C-alpha atoms as a PDB file:
ATOM      1  CA  MET A   1     -11.019  -7.254  38.035  1.00  0.00           C
ATOM      2  CA  ALA A   2     -13.147  -7.953  35.019  1.00  0.00           C
ATOM      3  CA  ARG A   3     -14.040  -4.692  35.475  1.00  0.00           C
ATOM      4  CA  GLU A   4     -10.726  -3.055  35.383  1.00  0.00           C
ATOM      5  CA  PHE A   5      -9.665  -4.977  32.626  1.00  0.00           C
ATOM      6  CA  GLN A   6     -12.521  -4.032  30.072  1.00  0.00           C
ATOM      7  CA  ALA A   7     -12.076   0.079  31.628  1.00  0.00           C
ATOM      8  CA  GLY A   8      -8.377  -0.427  30.555  1.00  0.00           C
ATOM      9  CA  ARG A   9      -9.524  -1.909  27.106  1.00  0.00           C
ATOM     10  CA  LEU A  10     -11.469   1.913  26.551  1.00  0.00           C
ATOM     11  CA  ARG A  11      -8.327   4.131  26.177  1.00  0.00           C
ATOM     12  CA  PHE A  12      -7.539   2.235  22.933  1.00  0.00           C
ATOM     13  CA  GLY A  13      -9.273   3.250  19.445  1.00  0.00           C
ATOM     14  CA  ARG A  14      -9.434   6.415  18.798  1.00  0.00           C
ATOM     15  CA  ALA A  15     -10.038   7.970  22.153  1.00  0.00           C
ATOM     16  CA  GLY A  16      -6.586   6.175  22.662  1.00  0.00           C
ATOM     17  CA  GLY A  17      -5.279   8.313  20.123  1.00  0.00           C
ATOM     18  CA  MET A  18      -4.963   5.511  17.247  1.00  0.00           C
ATOM     19  CA  ASP A  19      -4.598   6.238  13.652  1.00  0.00           C
ATOM     20  CA  PRO A  20      -7.716   4.969  12.228  1.00  0.00           C
ATOM     21  CA  ARG A  21      -5.844   5.265   8.696  1.00  0.00           C
ATOM     22  CA  TRP A  22      -5.595   1.343   8.597  1.00  0.00           C
ATOM     23  CA  LEU A  23      -9.415   0.484   7.985  1.00  0.00           C
ATOM     24  CA  ALA A  24      -9.112   2.552   5.103  1.00  0.00           C
ATOM     25  CA  SER A  25      -5.992   0.626   4.226  1.00  0.00           C
ATOM     26  CA  LEU A  26      -7.693  -2.360   4.301  1.00  0.00           C
ATOM     27  CA  VAL A  27     -10.840  -1.888   3.073  1.00  0.00           C
ATOM     28  CA  ASP A  28      -8.535  -0.295  -0.424  1.00  0.00           C
ATOM     29  CA  ALA A  29      -6.627  -3.681  -0.335  1.00  0.00           C
ATOM     30  CA  MET A  30      -9.784  -5.483   0.270  1.00  0.00           C
ATOM     31  CA  GLU A  31     -11.290  -3.952  -2.791  1.00  0.00           C
ATOM     32  CA  GLN A  32      -8.435  -4.060  -5.034  1.00  0.00           C
ATOM     33  CA  ALA A  33      -7.992  -7.693  -4.319  1.00  0.00           C
ATOM     34  CA  ALA A  34     -12.001  -8.397  -5.167  1.00  0.00           C
ATOM     35  CA  ARG A  35     -11.386  -6.275  -8.913  1.00  0.00           C
ATOM     36  CA  PRO A  36     -12.046  -9.352 -11.605  1.00  0.00           C
ATOM     37  CA  GLU A  37      -9.104  -9.133 -13.255  1.00  0.00           C
ATOM     38  CA  LEU A  38      -7.364  -9.452 -10.119  1.00  0.00           C
ATOM     39  CA  ARG A  39      -9.367 -12.611  -8.929  1.00  0.00           C
ATOM     40  CA  ASN A  40      -9.006 -14.092 -12.839  1.00  0.00           C
ATOM     41  CA  VAL A  41      -5.062 -14.601 -12.147  1.00  0.00           C
ATOM     42  CA  PRO A  42      -4.072 -17.927 -11.289  1.00  0.00           C
ATOM     43  CA  CYS A  43      -2.107 -18.466  -7.925  1.00  0.00           C
ATOM     44  CA  ASP A  44       1.213 -19.638  -8.011  1.00  0.00           C
ATOM     45  CA  ILE A  45       1.433 -23.699  -6.803  1.00  0.00           C
ATOM     46  CA  ASP A  46       4.790 -23.210  -4.911  1.00  0.00           C
ATOM     47  CA  LEU A  47       2.687 -20.273  -2.723  1.00  0.00           C
ATOM     48  CA  ILE A  48      -0.605 -22.311  -2.471  1.00  0.00           C
ATOM     49  CA  SER A  49       1.599 -24.897  -0.863  1.00  0.00           C
ATOM     50  CA  ALA A  50       3.291 -22.932   1.267  1.00  0.00           C
ATOM     51  CA  VAL A  51       0.120 -20.935   2.727  1.00  0.00           C
ATOM     52  CA  ALA A  52      -0.761 -24.785   3.406  1.00  0.00           C
ATOM     53  CA  VAL A  53       2.018 -26.280   4.743  1.00  0.00           C
ATOM     54  CA  HIS A  54       1.879 -22.876   7.082  1.00  0.00           C
ATOM     55  CA  LEU A  55      -1.841 -22.836   7.818  1.00  0.00           C
ATOM     56  CA  ALA A  56      -1.319 -26.851   9.027  1.00  0.00           C
ATOM     57  CA  ARG A  57       1.520 -25.985  11.730  1.00  0.00           C
ATOM     58  CA  PRO A  58      -0.457 -25.852  14.886  1.00  0.00           C
ATOM     59  CA  SER A  59      -1.094 -22.269  16.672  1.00  0.00           C
ATOM     60  CA  PRO A  60       1.497 -20.559  18.767  1.00  0.00           C
ATOM     61  CA  THR A  61       0.215 -20.639  22.448  1.00  0.00           C
ATOM     62  CA  PHE A  62       2.453 -17.592  23.511  1.00  0.00           C
ATOM     63  CA  ALA A  63       2.710 -19.116  26.931  1.00  0.00           C
ATOM     64  CA  HIS A  64       6.278 -17.669  27.461  1.00  0.00           C
ATOM     65  CA  CYS A  65       3.973 -14.303  27.057  1.00  0.00           C
ATOM     66  CA  GLY A  66       2.644 -15.216  30.185  1.00  0.00           C
ATOM     67  CA  SER A  67       0.280 -11.877  32.265  1.00  0.00           C
ATOM     68  CA  ALA A  68      -0.061 -11.124  35.528  1.00  0.00           C
ATOM     69  CA  TYR A  69      -3.592  -9.952  34.643  1.00  0.00           C
ATOM     70  CA  SER A  70      -5.993 -12.260  34.202  1.00  0.00           C
ATOM     71  CA  LEU A  71      -9.982 -12.204  33.783  1.00  0.00           C
ATOM     72  CA  ARG A  72     -10.267 -14.776  36.618  1.00  0.00           C
ATOM     73  CA  ASN A  73      -8.346 -12.990  39.338  1.00  0.00           C
END
């Protein structure tokens, strides 16, 4: 069953027809964020507080989205 699961995953990516431009967009965004003139701008304290509160929450388990597939089958 695990082999079938991994074989099914191979359909994603370029072979599955997904658009690879998302990676180029991600790299562009990270390069823009790494520019010194952007890094030297102070962050809003309210934004930092909101992010800290969000990250302090427990991560979702998504148990309600159960799957019939398992590597243990």
